[in-house]
ModelCIF file with pLDDT and N, C-alpha, C, O atoms, coordinates in Angstrom:
data_MODEL
#
_entry.id   MODEL 
#
_entity.id                         1 
_entity.type                       polymer 
_entity.pdbx_number_of_molecules   1 
#
_entity_poly.entity_id                      1 
_entity_poly.type                           'polypeptide(L)' 
_entity_poly.nstd_linkage                   no 
_entity_poly.nstd_monomer                   no 
_entity_poly.pdbx_seq_one_letter_code       GLVQPGGSLRLSCAASGTIFSIYAMGWYRQAPGKQRELVARINTGGS 
_entity_poly.pdbx_seq_one_letter_code_can   GLVQPGGSLRLSCAASGTIFSIYAMGWYRQAPGKQRELVARINTGGS 
_entity_poly.pdbx_strand_id                 A 
#
loop_
_entity_poly_seq.entity_id 
_entity_poly_seq.num 
_entity_poly_seq.mon_id 
_entity_poly_seq.hetero 
1 1  GLY n 
1 2  LEU n 
1 3  VAL n 
1 4  GLN n 
1 5  PRO n 
1 6  GLY n 
1 7  GLY n 
1 8  SER n 
1 9  LEU n 
1 10 ARG n 
1 11 LEU n 
1 12 SER n 
1 13 CYS n 
1 14 ALA n 
1 15 ALA n 
1 16 SER n 
1 17 GLY n 
1 18 THR n 
1 19 ILE n 
1 20 PHE n 
1 21 SER n 
1 22 ILE n 
1 23 TYR n 
1 24 ALA n 
1 25 MET n 
1 26 GLY n 
1 27 TRP n 
1 28 TYR n 
1 29 ARG n 
1 30 GLN n 
1 31 ALA n 
1 32 PRO n 
1 33 GLY n 
1 34 LYS n 
1 35 GLN n 
1 36 ARG n 
1 37 GLU n 
1 38 LEU n 
1 39 VAL n 
1 40 ALA n 
1 41 ARG n 
1 42 ILE n 
1 43 ASN n 
1 44 THR n 
1 45 GLY n 
1 46 GLY n 
1 47 SER n 
#
_struct_asym.id          A 
_struct_asym.entity_id   1 
#
loop_
_ma_qa_metric.id 
_ma_qa_metric.mode 
_ma_qa_metric.name 
_ma_qa_metric.software_group_id 
_ma_qa_metric.type 
1 global pLDDT . pLDDT 
2 local  pLDDT . pLDDT 
#
_ma_qa_metric_global.metric_id      1 
_ma_qa_metric_global.metric_value   94.11 
_ma_qa_metric_global.model_id       1 
_ma_qa_metric_global.ordinal_id     1 
#
loop_
_ma_qa_metric_local.label_asym_id 
_ma_qa_metric_local.label_comp_id 
_ma_qa_metric_local.label_seq_id 
_ma_qa_metric_local.metric_id 
_ma_qa_metric_local.metric_value 
_ma_qa_metric_local.model_id 
_ma_qa_metric_local.ordinal_id 
A GLY 1  2 98.00 1 1  
A LEU 2  2 98.00 1 2  
A VAL 3  2 98.00 1 3  
A GLN 4  2 98.00 1 4  
A PRO 5  2 98.00 1 5  
A GLY 6  2 98.00 1 6  
A GLY 7  2 98.00 1 7  
A SER 8  2 98.00 1 8  
A LEU 9  2 98.00 1 9  
A ARG 10 2 98.00 1 10 
A LEU 11 2 98.00 1 11 
A SER 12 2 98.00 1 12 
A CYS 13 2 97.00 1 13 
A ALA 14 2 95.00 1 14 
A ALA 15 2 93.00 1 15 
A SER 16 2 88.00 1 16 
A GLY 17 2 78.00 1 17 
A THR 18 2 79.00 1 18 
A ILE 19 2 74.00 1 19 
A PHE 20 2 79.00 1 20 
A SER 21 2 82.00 1 21 
A ILE 22 2 86.00 1 22 
A TYR 23 2 91.00 1 23 
A ALA 24 2 95.00 1 24 
A MET 25 2 95.00 1 25 
A GLY 26 2 97.00 1 26 
A TRP 27 2 98.00 1 27 
A TYR 28 2 98.00 1 28 
A ARG 29 2 98.00 1 29 
A GLN 30 2 98.00 1 30 
A ALA 31 2 96.00 1 31 
A PRO 32 2 92.00 1 32 
A GLY 33 2 94.00 1 33 
A LYS 34 2 96.00 1 34 
A GLN 35 2 97.00 1 35 
A ARG 36 2 97.00 1 36 
A GLU 37 2 98.00 1 37 
A LEU 38 2 98.00 1 38 
A VAL 39 2 98.00 1 39 
A ALA 40 2 98.00 1 40 
A ARG 41 2 98.00 1 41 
A ILE 42 2 97.00 1 42 
A ASN 43 2 95.00 1 43 
A THR 44 2 92.00 1 44 
A GLY 45 2 91.00 1 45 
A GLY 46 2 93.00 1 46 
A SER 47 2 96.00 1 47 
#
loop_
_atom_site.group_PDB 
_atom_site.id 
_atom_site.type_symbol 
_atom_site.label_atom_id 
_atom_site.label_alt_id 
_atom_site.label_comp_id 
_atom_site.label_asym_id 
_atom_site.label_entity_id 
_atom_site.label_seq_id 
_atom_site.pdbx_PDB_ins_code 
_atom_site.Cartn_x 
_atom_site.Cartn_y 
_atom_site.Cartn_z 
_atom_site.occupancy 
_atom_site.B_iso_or_equiv 
_atom_site.pdbx_formal_charge 
_atom_site.auth_seq_id 
_atom_site.auth_comp_id 
_atom_site.auth_asym_id 
_atom_site.auth_atom_id 
_atom_site.pdbx_PDB_model_num 
ATOM 1   N N  . GLY A 1 1  ? 233.041 101.835 -101.770 1.00 98.00 ? 1  GLY A N  1 
ATOM 2   C CA . GLY A 1 1  ? 233.299 100.841 -100.598 1.00 98.00 ? 1  GLY A CA 1 
ATOM 3   C C  . GLY A 1 1  ? 232.528 99.613  -100.285 1.00 98.00 ? 1  GLY A C  1 
ATOM 4   O O  . GLY A 1 1  ? 231.982 98.692  -100.893 1.00 98.00 ? 1  GLY A O  1 
ATOM 5   N N  . LEU A 1 2  ? 232.721 100.002 -99.091  1.00 98.00 ? 2  LEU A N  1 
ATOM 6   C CA . LEU A 1 2  ? 231.372 99.042  -98.797  1.00 98.00 ? 2  LEU A CA 1 
ATOM 7   C C  . LEU A 1 2  ? 230.435 99.542  -97.976  1.00 98.00 ? 2  LEU A C  1 
ATOM 8   O O  . LEU A 1 2  ? 230.579 100.339 -97.049  1.00 98.00 ? 2  LEU A O  1 
ATOM 9   N N  . VAL A 1 3  ? 229.618 99.102  -98.315  1.00 98.00 ? 3  VAL A N  1 
ATOM 10  C CA . VAL A 1 3  ? 228.251 99.293  -97.470  1.00 98.00 ? 3  VAL A CA 1 
ATOM 11  C C  . VAL A 1 3  ? 226.897 98.513  -97.208  1.00 98.00 ? 3  VAL A C  1 
ATOM 12  O O  . VAL A 1 3  ? 226.916 97.341  -97.583  1.00 98.00 ? 3  VAL A O  1 
ATOM 13  N N  . GLN A 1 4  ? 226.035 98.847  -96.780  1.00 98.00 ? 4  GLN A N  1 
ATOM 14  C CA . GLN A 1 4  ? 225.338 97.277  -96.455  1.00 98.00 ? 4  GLN A CA 1 
ATOM 15  C C  . GLN A 1 4  ? 224.359 97.591  -97.247  1.00 98.00 ? 4  GLN A C  1 
ATOM 16  O O  . GLN A 1 4  ? 224.636 98.575  -97.932  1.00 98.00 ? 4  GLN A O  1 
ATOM 17  N N  . PRO A 1 5  ? 222.654 96.875  -97.556  1.00 98.00 ? 5  PRO A N  1 
ATOM 18  C CA . PRO A 1 5  ? 222.110 96.863  -98.774  1.00 98.00 ? 5  PRO A CA 1 
ATOM 19  C C  . PRO A 1 5  ? 221.105 98.025  -97.224  1.00 98.00 ? 5  PRO A C  1 
ATOM 20  O O  . PRO A 1 5  ? 221.005 98.075  -95.999  1.00 98.00 ? 5  PRO A O  1 
ATOM 21  N N  . GLY A 1 6  ? 220.474 98.913  -98.835  1.00 98.00 ? 6  GLY A N  1 
ATOM 22  C CA . GLY A 1 6  ? 219.467 100.688 -98.344  1.00 98.00 ? 6  GLY A CA 1 
ATOM 23  C C  . GLY A 1 6  ? 220.741 101.110 -97.706  1.00 98.00 ? 6  GLY A C  1 
ATOM 24  O O  . GLY A 1 6  ? 220.321 101.763 -96.751  1.00 98.00 ? 6  GLY A O  1 
ATOM 25  N N  . GLY A 1 7  ? 222.317 101.150 -97.629  1.00 98.00 ? 7  GLY A N  1 
ATOM 26  C CA . GLY A 1 7  ? 222.586 102.818 -97.952  1.00 98.00 ? 7  GLY A CA 1 
ATOM 27  C C  . GLY A 1 7  ? 223.125 103.600 -98.522  1.00 98.00 ? 7  GLY A C  1 
ATOM 28  O O  . GLY A 1 7  ? 222.499 103.723 -99.574  1.00 98.00 ? 7  GLY A O  1 
ATOM 29  N N  . SER A 1 8  ? 224.053 104.349 -98.513  1.00 98.00 ? 8  SER A N  1 
ATOM 30  C CA . SER A 1 8  ? 224.250 105.166 -99.458  1.00 98.00 ? 8  SER A CA 1 
ATOM 31  C C  . SER A 1 8  ? 226.055 105.977 -99.967  1.00 98.00 ? 8  SER A C  1 
ATOM 32  O O  . SER A 1 8  ? 226.737 106.540 -99.111  1.00 98.00 ? 8  SER A O  1 
ATOM 33  N N  . LEU A 1 9  ? 226.364 105.894 -100.962 1.00 98.00 ? 9  LEU A N  1 
ATOM 34  C CA . LEU A 1 9  ? 227.416 105.998 -101.549 1.00 98.00 ? 9  LEU A CA 1 
ATOM 35  C C  . LEU A 1 9  ? 227.426 107.217 -102.399 1.00 98.00 ? 9  LEU A C  1 
ATOM 36  O O  . LEU A 1 9  ? 226.737 107.120 -103.415 1.00 98.00 ? 9  LEU A O  1 
ATOM 37  N N  . ARG A 1 10 ? 228.135 108.495 -102.193 1.00 98.00 ? 10 ARG A N  1 
ATOM 38  C CA . ARG A 1 10 ? 228.828 109.375 -103.043 1.00 98.00 ? 10 ARG A CA 1 
ATOM 39  C C  . ARG A 1 10 ? 229.931 108.913 -103.779 1.00 98.00 ? 10 ARG A C  1 
ATOM 40  O O  . ARG A 1 10 ? 231.044 108.738 -103.284 1.00 98.00 ? 10 ARG A O  1 
ATOM 41  N N  . LEU A 1 11 ? 229.596 108.685 -105.121 1.00 98.00 ? 11 LEU A N  1 
ATOM 42  C CA . LEU A 1 11 ? 231.079 109.081 -105.979 1.00 98.00 ? 11 LEU A CA 1 
ATOM 43  C C  . LEU A 1 11 ? 231.657 109.774 -106.673 1.00 98.00 ? 11 LEU A C  1 
ATOM 44  O O  . LEU A 1 11 ? 230.972 110.114 -107.638 1.00 98.00 ? 11 LEU A O  1 
ATOM 45  N N  . SER A 1 12 ? 233.047 110.344 -106.657 1.00 98.00 ? 12 SER A N  1 
ATOM 46  C CA . SER A 1 12 ? 232.673 111.754 -107.609 1.00 98.00 ? 12 SER A CA 1 
ATOM 47  C C  . SER A 1 12 ? 233.740 111.229 -108.743 1.00 98.00 ? 12 SER A C  1 
ATOM 48  O O  . SER A 1 12 ? 234.363 110.186 -108.544 1.00 98.00 ? 12 SER A O  1 
ATOM 49  N N  . CYS A 1 13 ? 233.892 111.870 -109.738 1.00 97.00 ? 13 CYS A N  1 
ATOM 50  C CA . CYS A 1 13 ? 235.321 111.936 -110.798 1.00 97.00 ? 13 CYS A CA 1 
ATOM 51  C C  . CYS A 1 13 ? 235.656 112.634 -111.186 1.00 97.00 ? 13 CYS A C  1 
ATOM 52  O O  . CYS A 1 13 ? 235.063 113.248 -112.074 1.00 97.00 ? 13 CYS A O  1 
ATOM 53  N N  . ALA A 1 14 ? 236.906 112.966 -110.699 1.00 95.00 ? 14 ALA A N  1 
ATOM 54  C CA . ALA A 1 14 ? 237.882 114.335 -111.088 1.00 95.00 ? 14 ALA A CA 1 
ATOM 55  C C  . ALA A 1 14 ? 238.602 114.390 -112.561 1.00 95.00 ? 14 ALA A C  1 
ATOM 56  O O  . ALA A 1 14 ? 239.618 113.746 -112.821 1.00 95.00 ? 14 ALA A O  1 
ATOM 57  N N  . ALA A 1 15 ? 237.990 115.175 -113.404 1.00 93.00 ? 15 ALA A N  1 
ATOM 58  C CA . ALA A 1 15 ? 239.056 115.491 -115.303 1.00 93.00 ? 15 ALA A CA 1 
ATOM 59  C C  . ALA A 1 15 ? 239.855 116.824 -114.904 1.00 93.00 ? 15 ALA A C  1 
ATOM 60  O O  . ALA A 1 15 ? 239.440 117.913 -114.506 1.00 93.00 ? 15 ALA A O  1 
ATOM 61  N N  . SER A 1 16 ? 240.882 116.445 -115.100 1.00 88.00 ? 16 SER A N  1 
ATOM 62  C CA . SER A 1 16 ? 242.032 117.049 -116.017 1.00 88.00 ? 16 SER A CA 1 
ATOM 63  C C  . SER A 1 16 ? 242.279 116.897 -117.105 1.00 88.00 ? 16 SER A C  1 
ATOM 64  O O  . SER A 1 16 ? 242.254 115.767 -117.592 1.00 88.00 ? 16 SER A O  1 
ATOM 65  N N  . GLY A 1 17 ? 242.560 117.864 -117.745 1.00 78.00 ? 17 GLY A N  1 
ATOM 66  C CA . GLY A 1 17 ? 243.658 117.797 -119.451 1.00 78.00 ? 17 GLY A CA 1 
ATOM 67  C C  . GLY A 1 17 ? 242.547 118.013 -120.176 1.00 78.00 ? 17 GLY A C  1 
ATOM 68  O O  . GLY A 1 17 ? 242.562 117.469 -121.280 1.00 78.00 ? 17 GLY A O  1 
ATOM 69  N N  . THR A 1 18 ? 241.352 118.788 -119.836 1.00 79.00 ? 18 THR A N  1 
ATOM 70  C CA . THR A 1 18 ? 239.926 118.632 -120.965 1.00 79.00 ? 18 THR A CA 1 
ATOM 71  C C  . THR A 1 18 ? 239.175 119.928 -120.554 1.00 79.00 ? 18 THR A C  1 
ATOM 72  O O  . THR A 1 18 ? 239.147 120.694 -119.590 1.00 79.00 ? 18 THR A O  1 
ATOM 73  N N  . ILE A 1 19 ? 238.554 119.785 -121.822 1.00 74.00 ? 19 ILE A N  1 
ATOM 74  C CA . ILE A 1 19 ? 237.044 121.417 -121.324 1.00 74.00 ? 19 ILE A CA 1 
ATOM 75  C C  . ILE A 1 19 ? 236.441 120.109 -120.952 1.00 74.00 ? 19 ILE A C  1 
ATOM 76  O O  . ILE A 1 19 ? 236.019 119.235 -121.709 1.00 74.00 ? 19 ILE A O  1 
ATOM 77  N N  . PHE A 1 20 ? 236.473 120.127 -119.733 1.00 79.00 ? 20 PHE A N  1 
ATOM 78  C CA . PHE A 1 20 ? 234.983 119.515 -118.989 1.00 79.00 ? 20 PHE A CA 1 
ATOM 79  C C  . PHE A 1 20 ? 233.597 119.887 -119.715 1.00 79.00 ? 20 PHE A C  1 
ATOM 80  O O  . PHE A 1 20 ? 232.633 119.161 -119.955 1.00 79.00 ? 20 PHE A O  1 
ATOM 81  N N  . SER A 1 21 ? 233.803 121.241 -119.984 1.00 82.00 ? 21 SER A N  1 
ATOM 82  C CA . SER A 1 21 ? 231.940 121.649 -120.026 1.00 82.00 ? 21 SER A CA 1 
ATOM 83  C C  . SER A 1 21 ? 231.661 121.240 -120.957 1.00 82.00 ? 21 SER A C  1 
ATOM 84  O O  . SER A 1 21 ? 230.446 121.051 -121.008 1.00 82.00 ? 21 SER A O  1 
ATOM 85  N N  . ILE A 1 22 ? 232.402 120.847 -122.205 1.00 86.00 ? 22 ILE A N  1 
ATOM 86  C CA . ILE A 1 22 ? 231.979 121.069 -123.351 1.00 86.00 ? 22 ILE A CA 1 
ATOM 87  C C  . ILE A 1 22 ? 231.567 118.929 -123.001 1.00 86.00 ? 22 ILE A C  1 
ATOM 88  O O  . ILE A 1 22 ? 230.407 118.661 -123.313 1.00 86.00 ? 22 ILE A O  1 
ATOM 89  N N  . TYR A 1 23 ? 232.117 118.097 -122.637 1.00 91.00 ? 23 TYR A N  1 
ATOM 90  C CA . TYR A 1 23 ? 231.110 116.311 -123.477 1.00 91.00 ? 23 TYR A CA 1 
ATOM 91  C C  . TYR A 1 23 ? 229.810 116.702 -121.977 1.00 91.00 ? 23 TYR A C  1 
ATOM 92  O O  . TYR A 1 23 ? 229.833 117.448 -120.998 1.00 91.00 ? 23 TYR A O  1 
ATOM 93  N N  . ALA A 1 24 ? 228.761 115.653 -122.590 1.00 95.00 ? 24 ALA A N  1 
ATOM 94  C CA . ALA A 1 24 ? 228.284 115.077 -121.836 1.00 95.00 ? 24 ALA A CA 1 
ATOM 95  C C  . ALA A 1 24 ? 228.832 113.984 -121.426 1.00 95.00 ? 24 ALA A C  1 
ATOM 96  O O  . ALA A 1 24 ? 229.568 113.458 -122.262 1.00 95.00 ? 24 ALA A O  1 
ATOM 97  N N  . MET A 1 25 ? 228.710 113.322 -120.183 1.00 95.00 ? 25 MET A N  1 
ATOM 98  C CA . MET A 1 25 ? 229.451 112.482 -119.332 1.00 95.00 ? 25 MET A CA 1 
ATOM 99  C C  . MET A 1 25 ? 228.619 111.066 -118.378 1.00 95.00 ? 25 MET A C  1 
ATOM 100 O O  . MET A 1 25 ? 228.264 110.862 -117.217 1.00 95.00 ? 25 MET A O  1 
ATOM 101 N N  . GLY A 1 26 ? 228.613 110.773 -118.903 1.00 97.00 ? 26 GLY A N  1 
ATOM 102 C CA . GLY A 1 26 ? 228.208 109.133 -118.172 1.00 97.00 ? 26 GLY A CA 1 
ATOM 103 C C  . GLY A 1 26 ? 229.216 108.826 -116.661 1.00 97.00 ? 26 GLY A C  1 
ATOM 104 O O  . GLY A 1 26 ? 230.315 109.297 -116.370 1.00 97.00 ? 26 GLY A O  1 
ATOM 105 N N  . TRP A 1 27 ? 228.164 107.666 -115.745 1.00 98.00 ? 27 TRP A N  1 
ATOM 106 C CA . TRP A 1 27 ? 228.511 106.723 -115.171 1.00 98.00 ? 27 TRP A CA 1 
ATOM 107 C C  . TRP A 1 27 ? 227.938 105.509 -115.541 1.00 98.00 ? 27 TRP A C  1 
ATOM 108 O O  . TRP A 1 27 ? 226.742 105.329 -115.772 1.00 98.00 ? 27 TRP A O  1 
ATOM 109 N N  . TYR A 1 28 ? 228.954 104.565 -115.597 1.00 98.00 ? 28 TYR A N  1 
ATOM 110 C CA . TYR A 1 28 ? 229.259 103.030 -116.269 1.00 98.00 ? 28 TYR A CA 1 
ATOM 111 C C  . TYR A 1 28 ? 229.330 102.054 -115.258 1.00 98.00 ? 28 TYR A C  1 
ATOM 112 O O  . TYR A 1 28 ? 229.188 102.677 -114.206 1.00 98.00 ? 28 TYR A O  1 
ATOM 113 N N  . ARG A 1 29 ? 229.489 100.724 -114.984 1.00 98.00 ? 29 ARG A N  1 
ATOM 114 C CA . ARG A 1 29 ? 229.594 100.072 -113.873 1.00 98.00 ? 29 ARG A CA 1 
ATOM 115 C C  . ARG A 1 29 ? 230.198 98.641  -114.780 1.00 98.00 ? 29 ARG A C  1 
ATOM 116 O O  . ARG A 1 29 ? 229.653 98.311  -115.834 1.00 98.00 ? 29 ARG A O  1 
ATOM 117 N N  . GLN A 1 30 ? 230.993 98.126  -114.395 1.00 98.00 ? 30 GLN A N  1 
ATOM 118 C CA . GLN A 1 30 ? 231.465 96.409  -114.910 1.00 98.00 ? 30 GLN A CA 1 
ATOM 119 C C  . GLN A 1 30 ? 230.922 95.546  -113.583 1.00 98.00 ? 30 GLN A C  1 
ATOM 120 O O  . GLN A 1 30 ? 231.671 95.830  -112.649 1.00 98.00 ? 30 GLN A O  1 
ATOM 121 N N  . ALA A 1 31 ? 229.914 94.615  -113.164 1.00 96.00 ? 31 ALA A N  1 
ATOM 122 C CA . ALA A 1 31 ? 229.820 93.782  -112.193 1.00 96.00 ? 31 ALA A CA 1 
ATOM 123 C C  . ALA A 1 31 ? 231.034 92.665  -112.639 1.00 96.00 ? 31 ALA A C  1 
ATOM 124 O O  . ALA A 1 31 ? 231.653 92.774  -113.698 1.00 96.00 ? 31 ALA A O  1 
ATOM 125 N N  . PRO A 1 32 ? 231.328 91.290  -111.391 1.00 92.00 ? 32 PRO A N  1 
ATOM 126 C CA . PRO A 1 32 ? 231.783 91.008  -112.451 1.00 92.00 ? 32 PRO A CA 1 
ATOM 127 C C  . PRO A 1 32 ? 230.902 89.559  -113.081 1.00 92.00 ? 32 PRO A C  1 
ATOM 128 O O  . PRO A 1 32 ? 229.806 89.051  -112.844 1.00 92.00 ? 32 PRO A O  1 
ATOM 129 N N  . GLY A 1 33 ? 231.942 89.279  -113.906 1.00 94.00 ? 33 GLY A N  1 
ATOM 130 C CA . GLY A 1 33 ? 231.111 88.479  -115.369 1.00 94.00 ? 33 GLY A CA 1 
ATOM 131 C C  . GLY A 1 33 ? 230.302 88.925  -115.783 1.00 94.00 ? 33 GLY A C  1 
ATOM 132 O O  . GLY A 1 33 ? 229.344 88.154  -115.841 1.00 94.00 ? 33 GLY A O  1 
ATOM 133 N N  . LYS A 1 34 ? 230.117 89.885  -116.162 1.00 96.00 ? 34 LYS A N  1 
ATOM 134 C CA . LYS A 1 34 ? 229.288 90.820  -117.066 1.00 96.00 ? 34 LYS A CA 1 
ATOM 135 C C  . LYS A 1 34 ? 230.093 92.160  -117.229 1.00 96.00 ? 34 LYS A C  1 
ATOM 136 O O  . LYS A 1 34 ? 230.979 92.774  -116.635 1.00 96.00 ? 34 LYS A O  1 
ATOM 137 N N  . GLN A 1 35 ? 229.019 92.332  -118.769 1.00 97.00 ? 35 GLN A N  1 
ATOM 138 C CA . GLN A 1 35 ? 228.909 93.701  -119.396 1.00 97.00 ? 35 GLN A CA 1 
ATOM 139 C C  . GLN A 1 35 ? 229.228 94.727  -118.948 1.00 97.00 ? 35 GLN A C  1 
ATOM 140 O O  . GLN A 1 35 ? 228.798 94.794  -117.796 1.00 97.00 ? 35 GLN A O  1 
ATOM 141 N N  . ARG A 1 36 ? 229.849 95.737  -119.269 1.00 97.00 ? 36 ARG A N  1 
ATOM 142 C CA . ARG A 1 36 ? 230.260 97.218  -118.520 1.00 97.00 ? 36 ARG A CA 1 
ATOM 143 C C  . ARG A 1 36 ? 229.123 98.186  -119.268 1.00 97.00 ? 36 ARG A C  1 
ATOM 144 O O  . ARG A 1 36 ? 229.144 98.346  -120.489 1.00 97.00 ? 36 ARG A O  1 
ATOM 145 N N  . GLU A 1 37 ? 228.279 98.719  -118.536 1.00 98.00 ? 37 GLU A N  1 
ATOM 146 C CA . GLU A 1 37 ? 226.930 98.995  -118.541 1.00 98.00 ? 37 GLU A CA 1 
ATOM 147 C C  . GLU A 1 37 ? 226.464 100.766 -118.239 1.00 98.00 ? 37 GLU A C  1 
ATOM 148 O O  . GLU A 1 37 ? 226.727 101.091 -117.081 1.00 98.00 ? 37 GLU A O  1 
ATOM 149 N N  . LEU A 1 38 ? 225.944 101.705 -118.941 1.00 98.00 ? 38 LEU A N  1 
ATOM 150 C CA . LEU A 1 38 ? 225.709 102.753 -118.528 1.00 98.00 ? 38 LEU A CA 1 
ATOM 151 C C  . LEU A 1 38 ? 224.336 102.686 -117.440 1.00 98.00 ? 38 LEU A C  1 
ATOM 152 O O  . LEU A 1 38 ? 223.227 102.164 -117.562 1.00 98.00 ? 38 LEU A O  1 
ATOM 153 N N  . VAL A 1 39 ? 225.015 103.516 -116.274 1.00 98.00 ? 39 VAL A N  1 
ATOM 154 C CA . VAL A 1 39 ? 223.868 103.354 -115.724 1.00 98.00 ? 39 VAL A CA 1 
ATOM 155 C C  . VAL A 1 39 ? 223.681 104.857 -115.536 1.00 98.00 ? 39 VAL A C  1 
ATOM 156 O O  . VAL A 1 39 ? 222.978 105.028 -116.532 1.00 98.00 ? 39 VAL A O  1 
ATOM 157 N N  . ALA A 1 40 ? 223.774 105.909 -115.071 1.00 98.00 ? 40 ALA A N  1 
ATOM 158 C CA . ALA A 1 40 ? 223.271 107.624 -115.333 1.00 98.00 ? 40 ALA A CA 1 
ATOM 159 C C  . ALA A 1 40 ? 224.795 108.529 -116.667 1.00 98.00 ? 40 ALA A C  1 
ATOM 160 O O  . ALA A 1 40 ? 226.008 108.324 -116.716 1.00 98.00 ? 40 ALA A O  1 
ATOM 161 N N  . ARG A 1 41 ? 223.850 109.516 -117.533 1.00 98.00 ? 41 ARG A N  1 
ATOM 162 C CA . ARG A 1 41 ? 224.424 110.175 -118.458 1.00 98.00 ? 41 ARG A CA 1 
ATOM 163 C C  . ARG A 1 41 ? 223.511 111.651 -117.932 1.00 98.00 ? 41 ARG A C  1 
ATOM 164 O O  . ARG A 1 41 ? 222.402 111.801 -117.420 1.00 98.00 ? 41 ARG A O  1 
ATOM 165 N N  . ILE A 1 42 ? 224.720 112.700 -118.395 1.00 97.00 ? 42 ILE A N  1 
ATOM 166 C CA . ILE A 1 42 ? 224.706 114.113 -118.084 1.00 97.00 ? 42 ILE A CA 1 
ATOM 167 C C  . ILE A 1 42 ? 225.223 114.817 -119.167 1.00 97.00 ? 42 ILE A C  1 
ATOM 168 O O  . ILE A 1 42 ? 226.430 114.778 -119.405 1.00 97.00 ? 42 ILE A O  1 
ATOM 169 N N  . ASN A 1 43 ? 224.079 115.758 -120.169 1.00 95.00 ? 43 ASN A N  1 
ATOM 170 C CA . ASN A 1 43 ? 224.871 116.491 -121.031 1.00 95.00 ? 43 ASN A CA 1 
ATOM 171 C C  . ASN A 1 43 ? 225.016 117.839 -120.145 1.00 95.00 ? 43 ASN A C  1 
ATOM 172 O O  . ASN A 1 43 ? 224.767 118.017 -118.953 1.00 95.00 ? 43 ASN A O  1 
ATOM 173 N N  . THR A 1 44 ? 225.440 118.609 -121.002 1.00 92.00 ? 44 THR A N  1 
ATOM 174 C CA . THR A 1 44 ? 226.466 119.991 -120.801 1.00 92.00 ? 44 THR A CA 1 
ATOM 175 C C  . THR A 1 44 ? 225.051 120.593 -120.178 1.00 92.00 ? 44 THR A C  1 
ATOM 176 O O  . THR A 1 44 ? 225.223 121.596 -119.486 1.00 92.00 ? 44 THR A O  1 
ATOM 177 N N  . GLY A 1 45 ? 223.847 120.197 -120.297 1.00 91.00 ? 45 GLY A N  1 
ATOM 178 C CA . GLY A 1 45 ? 222.732 121.679 -119.619 1.00 91.00 ? 45 GLY A CA 1 
ATOM 179 C C  . GLY A 1 45 ? 222.486 120.650 -118.382 1.00 91.00 ? 45 GLY A C  1 
ATOM 180 O O  . GLY A 1 45 ? 221.872 121.073 -117.402 1.00 91.00 ? 45 GLY A O  1 
ATOM 181 N N  . GLY A 1 46 ? 222.632 120.229 -118.390 1.00 93.00 ? 46 GLY A N  1 
ATOM 182 C CA . GLY A 1 46 ? 222.381 119.533 -116.657 1.00 93.00 ? 46 GLY A CA 1 
ATOM 183 C C  . GLY A 1 46 ? 220.841 118.218 -116.917 1.00 93.00 ? 46 GLY A C  1 
ATOM 184 O O  . GLY A 1 46 ? 220.355 117.882 -115.837 1.00 93.00 ? 46 GLY A O  1 
ATOM 185 N N  . SER A 1 47 ? 220.316 117.711 -117.887 1.00 96.00 ? 47 SER A N  1 
ATOM 186 C CA . SER A 1 47 ? 219.682 117.078 -118.526 1.00 96.00 ? 47 SER A CA 1 
ATOM 187 C C  . SER A 1 47 ? 220.674 115.964 -117.918 1.00 96.00 ? 47 SER A C  1 
ATOM 188 O O  . SER A 1 47 ? 220.548 114.783 -118.242 1.00 96.00 ? 47 SER A O  1 
#
């Protein structure tokens, strides 16, 4: 959504059709005119 500088948001990603718990997962982002980049990742153990 739209948020002012200094604000907060919580994104969610719901997975279906797979055994979710076996995968390391990541959040990626792509800004206008830029390549997609990895923002954060979490492995199966929570690291």
